[in-house]
Every structure is written in structure tokens, then in C-alpha cells.
Protein backbone atom coordinates (compact mmCIF):
# COMPACT_ATOMS: atom_id res chain seq x y z
CA MET A 1 -57.19 49.11 121.28
CA VAL A 2 -59.14 48.06 118.18
CA THR A 3 -58.23 44.54 117.02
CA ILE A 4 -58.64 42.62 113.81
CA ALA A 5 -61.51 40.71 115.50
CA ASP A 6 -63.32 44.01 116.17
CA VAL A 7 -63.01 44.94 112.50
CA ALA A 8 -64.30 41.51 111.49
CA ARG A 9 -67.40 41.83 113.72
CA HIS A 10 -68.10 45.35 112.47
CA ALA A 11 -67.81 44.25 108.83
CA GLY A 12 -69.67 40.97 109.37
CA VAL A 13 -66.82 38.78 108.12
CA ALA A 14 -64.33 36.31 109.56
CA PRO A 15 -61.02 37.62 111.01
CA SER A 16 -59.17 35.70 108.30
CA THR A 17 -61.05 37.70 105.66
CA VAL A 18 -59.81 40.95 107.23
CA SER A 19 -56.30 39.52 107.16
CA TYR A 20 -56.61 38.62 103.47
CA VAL A 21 -57.84 42.13 102.65
CA LEU A 22 -54.81 43.58 104.49
CA THR A 23 -52.22 41.21 103.06
CA GLY A 24 -53.62 40.45 99.62
CA LYS A 25 -52.76 36.78 100.10
CA ARG A 26 -56.17 35.65 98.75
CA SER A 27 -58.63 37.09 96.29
CA ILE A 28 -61.53 38.84 98.03
CA SER A 29 -64.60 40.25 96.26
CA ALA A 30 -64.68 43.98 95.68
CA GLY A 31 -67.80 44.38 97.83
CA THR A 32 -66.25 42.59 100.80
CA LYS A 33 -63.03 44.55 100.43
CA SER A 34 -64.98 47.79 100.45
CA ARG A 35 -66.93 46.75 103.56
CA VAL A 36 -63.79 45.72 105.45
CA ARG A 37 -61.93 48.91 104.52
CA GLU A 38 -64.91 51.02 105.62
CA SER A 39 -64.89 49.23 108.98
CA ILE A 40 -61.14 49.85 109.31
CA ARG A 41 -61.69 53.56 108.72
CA ALA A 42 -64.74 53.76 110.99
CA LEU A 43 -63.00 52.03 113.91
CA GLY A 44 -59.62 53.70 113.40
CA TYR A 45 -57.92 50.31 113.24
CA GLN A 46 -54.11 50.25 113.03
CA PRO A 47 -52.65 46.83 112.11
CA HIS A 48 -51.04 45.40 115.23
CA ALA A 49 -48.34 42.76 115.05
CA ALA A 50 -50.17 40.40 117.42
CA ASP A 51 -53.30 40.59 115.25
CA ARG A 52 -51.26 39.97 112.12
CA ALA A 53 -49.59 36.99 113.74
CA LEU A 54 -52.96 35.53 114.77
CA ALA A 55 -54.41 35.90 111.28
CA GLY A 56 -51.35 35.13 109.22
CA SER A 57 -49.26 32.79 111.40
CA ARG A 58 -46.42 35.29 111.57
CA ALA A 59 -43.35 35.03 113.73
CA ASN A 60 -43.26 38.81 114.34
CA VAL A 61 -39.54 38.69 113.57
CA ILE A 62 -37.58 40.55 110.90
CA GLY A 63 -34.34 39.04 109.62
CA LEU A 64 -31.63 41.71 109.37
CA VAL A 65 -29.05 40.40 106.90
CA LEU A 66 -25.75 42.08 107.72
CA PRO A 67 -22.73 40.00 106.66
CA LEU A 68 -19.63 41.05 108.61
CA ARG A 69 -17.22 41.41 105.70
CA ALA A 70 -13.84 43.07 105.41
CA GLY A 71 -14.12 46.85 105.51
CA VAL A 72 -17.45 46.93 107.37
CA HIS A 73 -17.23 49.67 110.01
CA LEU A 74 -19.19 48.38 113.01
CA PRO A 75 -19.89 51.76 114.67
CA ALA A 76 -21.48 52.90 111.42
CA VAL A 77 -23.73 49.89 110.94
CA THR A 78 -24.72 49.98 114.60
CA ARG A 79 -26.61 53.19 113.85
CA PHE A 80 -28.68 51.43 111.19
CA VAL A 81 -29.31 48.43 113.44
CA SER A 82 -30.33 50.53 116.44
CA ALA A 83 -32.87 52.49 114.40
CA ALA A 84 -34.26 49.30 112.86
CA VAL A 85 -34.63 47.66 116.29
CA THR A 86 -36.42 50.70 117.74
CA THR A 87 -38.80 50.95 114.79
CA ALA A 88 -39.52 47.22 114.78
CA ARG A 89 -40.51 47.40 118.45
CA ARG A 90 -43.04 50.05 117.52
CA TYR A 91 -44.72 47.33 115.48
CA ASP A 92 -44.24 44.76 118.29
CA MET A 93 -41.68 42.96 116.16
CA ASP A 94 -38.17 41.72 116.94
CA LEU A 95 -35.01 41.62 114.84
CA LEU A 96 -32.95 38.53 114.15
CA LEU A 97 -29.42 39.61 113.22
CA MET A 98 -27.92 37.39 110.50
CA THR A 99 -24.19 38.16 110.25
CA ALA A 100 -22.83 35.09 108.45
CA ASP A 101 -21.57 35.79 104.92
CA ASP A 102 -23.62 32.98 103.40
CA GLY A 103 -24.99 34.92 100.43
CA ALA A 104 -28.07 33.54 98.71
CA ALA A 105 -27.78 30.13 100.42
CA GLY A 106 -28.18 31.66 103.88
CA LEU A 107 -31.17 33.68 102.76
CA ARG A 108 -32.82 30.61 101.29
CA ARG A 109 -32.39 28.65 104.52
CA ALA A 110 -33.91 31.47 106.58
CA ALA A 111 -36.78 31.94 104.13
CA ASN A 112 -37.64 28.24 104.25
CA SER A 113 -37.86 28.34 108.04
CA SER A 114 -40.62 29.89 110.13
CA GLN A 115 -38.16 32.10 112.04
CA VAL A 116 -38.72 35.36 110.18
CA ASP A 117 -41.52 37.11 108.29
CA GLY A 118 -39.27 39.12 105.97
CA PHE A 119 -35.80 40.51 105.48
CA LEU A 120 -33.86 43.76 105.70
CA VAL A 121 -30.71 43.38 103.61
CA MET A 122 -27.60 45.53 104.13
CA ASP A 123 -24.17 45.89 102.50
CA VAL A 124 -25.72 45.71 99.05
CA GLU A 125 -23.38 45.24 96.09
CA MET A 126 -23.85 46.65 92.60
CA ASP A 127 -24.33 43.12 91.21
CA ASP A 128 -25.43 41.40 94.40
CA ASP A 129 -25.79 37.62 94.06
CA ARG A 130 -28.65 37.68 96.58
CA VAL A 131 -30.88 39.78 94.30
CA PRO A 132 -32.25 37.03 92.01
CA LEU A 133 -33.32 35.02 95.06
CA LEU A 134 -34.87 38.05 96.78
CA ARG A 135 -37.07 38.55 93.72
CA GLN A 136 -38.30 34.95 93.96
CA LEU A 137 -38.86 34.55 97.71
CA SER A 138 -42.39 34.41 99.03
CA LYS A 139 -41.26 36.44 102.04
CA PRO A 140 -40.85 40.19 101.43
CA SER A 141 -37.60 42.10 101.68
CA VAL A 142 -36.28 45.66 101.77
CA LEU A 143 -32.70 46.55 100.84
CA ILE A 144 -30.81 49.32 102.63
CA GLY A 145 -28.80 50.23 99.55
CA HIS A 146 -29.58 49.29 95.98
CA PRO A 147 -28.03 47.17 93.22
CA THR A 148 -27.59 48.36 89.66
CA ALA A 149 -30.97 46.88 88.69
CA ALA A 150 -33.64 47.57 91.33
CA ARG A 151 -36.53 46.11 89.31
CA GLY A 152 -38.73 43.85 91.40
CA LEU A 153 -37.17 45.03 94.68
CA THR A 154 -37.84 47.59 97.38
CA CYS A 155 -34.77 49.68 98.25
CA VAL A 156 -34.05 52.69 100.43
CA ASP A 157 -30.76 54.56 100.33
CA LEU A 158 -29.01 57.88 100.52
CA ASP A 159 -28.44 59.31 97.05
CA PHE A 160 -24.69 58.72 97.31
CA GLU A 161 -23.91 59.99 93.80
CA ALA A 162 -25.59 63.27 94.67
CA ALA A 163 -23.74 63.27 98.01
CA GLY A 164 -20.34 63.02 96.29
CA ALA A 165 -21.34 65.77 93.87
CA LYS A 166 -22.62 68.01 96.65
CA CYS A 167 -19.21 67.93 98.35
CA VAL A 168 -17.48 69.03 95.15
CA ASP A 169 -20.02 71.76 94.41
CA HIS A 170 -19.67 73.20 97.92
CA LEU A 171 -15.87 73.32 97.65
CA ALA A 172 -15.85 74.60 94.07
CA ASP A 173 -18.28 77.36 95.04
CA LEU A 174 -15.69 78.44 97.64
CA GLY A 175 -13.05 78.68 94.90
CA HIS A 176 -11.17 75.38 95.37
CA ARG A 177 -9.72 74.10 92.10
CA SER A 178 -7.82 71.02 93.28
CA ILE A 179 -9.69 68.52 95.47
CA GLY A 180 -8.69 65.10 96.81
CA PHE A 181 -10.97 62.26 97.78
CA LEU A 182 -10.35 59.52 100.36
CA GLY A 183 -12.85 56.69 100.15
CA ALA A 184 -13.64 53.40 101.80
CA PRO A 185 -11.13 50.57 102.33
CA SER A 186 -10.08 48.76 99.16
CA ALA A 187 -12.02 45.59 100.07
CA VAL A 188 -15.25 47.59 99.91
CA TYR A 189 -14.56 48.63 96.31
CA ARG A 190 -13.41 45.14 95.32
CA ARG A 191 -16.76 43.66 96.28
CA ASN A 192 -18.56 46.46 94.40
CA ALA A 193 -20.40 47.93 97.38
CA GLY A 194 -22.90 50.33 95.88
CA PHE A 195 -22.54 53.20 98.37
CA ALA A 196 -18.76 53.42 97.90
CA HIS A 197 -18.73 53.30 94.10
CA ARG A 198 -21.64 55.71 93.72
CA THR A 199 -20.06 58.31 96.00
CA MET A 200 -16.74 58.18 94.16
CA ASN A 201 -18.54 58.32 90.80
CA GLY A 202 -20.58 61.32 91.91
CA PHE A 203 -17.43 63.07 93.15
CA SER A 204 -15.52 62.41 89.91
CA ALA A 205 -18.38 63.44 87.63
CA ALA A 206 -18.93 66.69 89.55
CA ALA A 207 -15.20 67.49 89.48
CA MET A 208 -15.20 67.08 85.71
CA ARG A 209 -18.35 69.19 85.39
CA ARG A 210 -16.86 71.98 87.52
CA GLY A 211 -13.42 71.85 85.86
CA VAL A 212 -11.73 70.85 89.12
CA ALA A 213 -8.52 68.80 89.31
CA ALA A 214 -9.33 65.71 91.35
CA THR A 215 -7.70 62.48 92.53
CA ALA A 216 -9.63 59.76 94.37
CA LEU A 217 -8.06 57.00 96.47
CA SER A 218 -9.34 54.24 98.69
CA VAL A 219 -7.85 54.24 102.19
CA GLU A 220 -7.60 51.59 104.89
CA ASP A 221 -8.85 52.43 108.36
CA ASP A 222 -5.57 52.81 110.26
CA HIS A 223 -3.28 55.78 110.92
CA ASP A 224 -0.36 54.74 108.73
CA SER A 225 -2.62 54.06 105.73
CA VAL A 226 -4.32 57.43 106.12
CA LEU A 227 -0.94 59.19 106.33
CA ARG A 228 0.31 57.43 103.19
CA ALA A 229 -2.86 58.31 101.31
CA VAL A 230 -2.73 61.97 102.35
CA LYS A 231 0.90 62.23 101.24
CA ALA A 232 0.07 60.50 97.95
CA LEU A 233 -2.69 63.03 97.24
CA ILE A 234 -0.35 65.95 97.96
CA ARG A 235 2.35 64.45 95.72
CA ALA A 236 -0.19 64.03 92.92
CA HIS A 237 -1.57 67.55 93.40
CA PRO A 238 0.79 69.86 95.35
CA SER A 239 -1.76 72.64 94.89
CA MET A 240 -4.57 70.60 96.54
CA THR A 241 -6.58 72.90 98.82
CA ALA A 242 -9.55 70.68 99.69
CA LEU A 243 -10.30 67.09 100.67
CA VAL A 244 -13.47 64.99 100.71
CA VAL A 245 -13.48 62.00 103.09
CA HIS A 246 -15.94 59.11 102.80
CA ASN A 247 -14.49 56.82 105.44
CA GLU A 248 -15.76 57.21 109.01
CA ALA A 249 -12.98 55.10 110.53
CA ALA A 250 -10.30 57.34 108.96
CA LEU A 251 -11.81 60.67 110.01
CA GLY A 252 -10.10 60.85 113.39
CA TRP A 253 -6.65 60.85 111.76
CA ILE A 254 -7.27 63.28 108.89
CA SER A 255 -6.27 66.55 110.57
CA ALA A 256 -3.20 65.04 112.23
CA CYS A 257 -2.04 63.39 109.02
CA LEU A 258 -2.45 66.61 107.07
CA ARG A 259 -0.37 68.40 109.73
CA ALA A 260 2.29 65.70 109.42
CA ALA A 261 2.35 66.42 105.69
CA GLY A 262 2.79 70.16 106.35
CA ARG A 263 -0.84 71.22 105.82
CA GLN A 264 -3.27 72.78 108.29
CA VAL A 265 -7.06 72.41 108.42
CA PRO A 266 -8.68 74.68 107.38
CA GLY A 267 -5.93 77.21 106.59
CA ASP A 268 -4.26 75.10 103.88
CA VAL A 269 -6.83 72.35 103.23
CA ALA A 270 -10.62 72.54 103.60
CA VAL A 271 -12.26 69.23 104.54
CA VAL A 272 -15.74 67.86 103.86
CA ALA A 273 -16.82 64.49 105.28
CA ILE A 274 -19.70 62.17 104.44
CA CYS A 275 -20.70 60.89 107.87
CA PRO A 276 -23.22 61.32 110.68
CA ASP A 277 -23.53 64.89 111.95
CA ASP A 278 -22.48 64.07 115.50
CA LEU A 279 -19.24 62.49 114.32
CA ALA A 280 -18.40 65.52 112.17
CA GLU A 281 -19.05 67.82 115.13
CA GLN A 282 -16.63 65.84 117.35
CA MET A 283 -13.65 66.42 115.05
CA SER A 284 -11.13 69.24 115.59
CA PRO A 285 -11.92 71.48 113.87
CA PRO A 286 -15.60 70.47 113.41
CA LEU A 287 -16.02 69.22 109.86
CA THR A 288 -18.42 70.37 107.21
CA SER A 289 -20.34 67.22 106.33
CA VAL A 290 -22.95 65.63 104.15
CA ARG A 291 -25.10 63.80 106.67
CA LEU A 292 -25.22 60.00 106.53
CA PRO A 293 -28.83 59.47 107.67
CA ALA A 294 -28.35 56.00 109.17
CA GLU A 295 -31.20 56.30 111.67
CA GLU A 296 -33.60 57.61 109.03
CA LEU A 297 -32.70 54.81 106.62
CA GLY A 298 -33.19 52.18 109.32
CA ARG A 299 -36.63 53.57 110.19
CA HIS A 300 -37.72 53.80 106.56
CA ALA A 301 -36.57 50.24 105.86
CA VAL A 302 -38.70 48.76 108.66
CA ASP A 303 -41.72 50.90 107.73
CA LEU A 304 -41.46 49.73 104.12
CA LEU A 305 -41.13 46.08 105.11
CA VAL A 306 -44.15 46.22 107.42
CA ALA A 307 -46.11 47.87 104.62
CA LYS A 308 -45.20 44.95 102.34
CA LEU A 309 -46.22 42.47 105.04
CA ASP A 310 -49.59 44.24 105.09
CA GLY A 311 -50.02 43.72 101.36
CA LYS A 312 -49.01 47.17 100.16
CA GLN A 313 -46.69 47.87 97.25
CA PRO A 314 -44.20 50.65 98.09
CA PRO A 315 -42.10 52.24 95.33
CA PRO A 316 -39.08 50.21 94.21
CA LEU A 317 -36.48 52.83 95.13
CA MET A 318 -36.52 55.56 97.77
CA LEU A 319 -33.45 57.83 97.57
CA LEU A 320 -32.95 60.36 100.35
CA PRO A 321 -31.45 63.64 99.11
CA PRO A 322 -28.09 64.63 100.65
CA ARG A 323 -27.97 67.46 103.17
CA LEU A 324 -24.76 69.44 103.74
CA SER A 325 -24.04 71.22 107.03
CA ARG A 326 -21.24 73.77 106.92
CA ARG A 327 -18.79 73.97 109.82
CA ALA A 328 -15.32 75.33 110.59
CA SER A 329 -13.43 73.08 108.18
CA THR A 330 -14.66 74.94 105.07
CA PRO A 331 -14.38 78.68 105.79
CA ASP A 332 -14.65 81.41 103.20
CA PRO A 333 -11.30 81.84 101.38
CA ALA A 334 -10.50 85.11 103.19
CA ALA A 335 -11.13 83.49 106.57
CA ALA A 336 -8.97 80.52 105.60
CA ARG A 337 -6.08 82.79 104.67
CA GLY A 338 -6.45 84.54 108.02
CA ALA A 339 -6.35 81.19 109.84
CA ALA A 340 -3.26 80.18 107.93
CA GLY A 341 -1.51 83.40 108.86
């Protein structure tokens, strides 16, 4: 394996000079930069975490900031964490999970220590109080999610507004004119979590654009709350024929609660979920879904952070487009009438 020392010998410079060319931490003359980069290309060098640690005194540890707040669904965030851990190991780096809800103060303490080289930040709010500090820290960060103002940050996220709109467009294209929406627990909206608000906003804007009657409610993640919310939607819109669900914890109760309210899926009510594909496929009937790409987001976040550690400047905001997979819960209208009969 080619090391940073091999590149230094080939280019006729010190290993620290190669490190500075990679990280941009010190000014290096254009001629030296060109010579080092040519050696990197000639030798096929790929920055290795051990080399970076030797040259830059790195800990080879990424701090994953995941405060365990009310409404956080652990099975969902585990998908992000697992992907981040796997990708970090590809760079010979470890993850330090930071779950305390300490806000900016906790970040500052971690940044002032030598424990971590940079941060992945989750559960991002629209007006997140950690953002001003993240812009000032000497250690790089990547947000999984994005605040209202992403200037000076690096963020990766699903385009949740487009995801909410895609659900409506799919249902409206099938002829549904009255659609309900069940979102995240109320605590998630109260703290202005970006993913929740953007999905509901995208849903509402698309319903207005398509001339669809729509009602959106938050829902807690227990059976009784889901049943109450389903009944409330039906009272508000007795002609409701479709439902969008953006709450993974509630999904397992949706079909049963609709049956308890006198509606069958998909004969009376078509359902679209925003969730991982495998979860949608486990439901009965299998649910049409807009995929929540947790694994992909986790991988991208680590790749972006390592790029920043190597002195690169990735784009401030990477939004993944939503992808809808159609399943049994949204049949063609004729098929739905047949199922109902």
C-alpha cells in the first residue's frame, strides 16, 4: 500500500508537506503543490487514516452527535448510525456516539478536546442553536439534515419537501381527491425538526397545487394515538380515500386502526408511507412508499466529512431526490373497487 511517506520521497519533500497539500492547513507554493499532486497520481496514492493521523495528529475518530430527544425513533436512527460506522471503518476511523442533549455547549467541549477529528450532526432543527458554533469550529462537520440557512455548512439530506409532494402527486394521479397525512410525534414539530416540517409543507403545497382536500396531523407512536388520529381524519373528511404516513413507529398500526374505523386498505383507503423499503414491504398489505435512504445518507455524510478532513470543499447542500416504489396499498381505482367488493 502506498503511504504518505512514499509520496514524499517521490516528490522530494517532507511527509508534513504532503499532509499540508492534502489538508490545506498551511500555504504551499504552487510548484510544490503541483509536484506533490503529480506524485499522488503517479503512485496511485489513496489517503489512509493512519497516514493522516501521523501527519496531522488526528485521533481517527468521528463524533456522531445524536441527542436522544423526545420523539426520536431509535430503529430509524440505527440505520443511519450503522451505515456511518461501516463507512468510517472503510477509512480506518471509529465513531464516538454523543447522545447527550447538550446543544452547543457539548459540541464546544468535544471540539476543544483531542477525542474527535470532526462531527456528524443529526436531528437538525430549522433554527438549530448548534449552527453558529459549527460555523466557527476549527474541526469540520457534516449535518445529516439541514437548517433553514445552510450557508457555511455542509449538509446532506433527503429532499423531504419533494418527498411529501411526490406522495400527493402519486395519489392524485390515481384519482384521489381527499388525502390525509399523519406525521411525526408532536414533540418533533415543537422543536422544529427540519425533516418533519419540510415533509408536511411539501404535502400541503402539493395538495393545494393539485386541488386536493387535505388534512395533516401529528401522531404519537402508540396504538391509541394512531386510532384517535385516524378517526379524527375521517371525521374531518368522511370522503377521505388516501393516507400519507410519515411516522415509522405508527406504521404497524395503520391498517388495523383504519379497519377499526370501518375502512379497509386498499379497498377504501390507499396508503403511502415515507420509510425504508424493507419496512414498507413488511406491512400487510405491503405499502407503497417513498424510500427513506438512511444508509445512503450515512455513507454520504462520512464521505463528505473525510473529504473536508483532507482539505476539500464539498458543496454546502446535497439533497437526494425521493424515489417512490408502488406496492399493493395503492392499486388502480378499478382494482381497489374490486378489492372492496
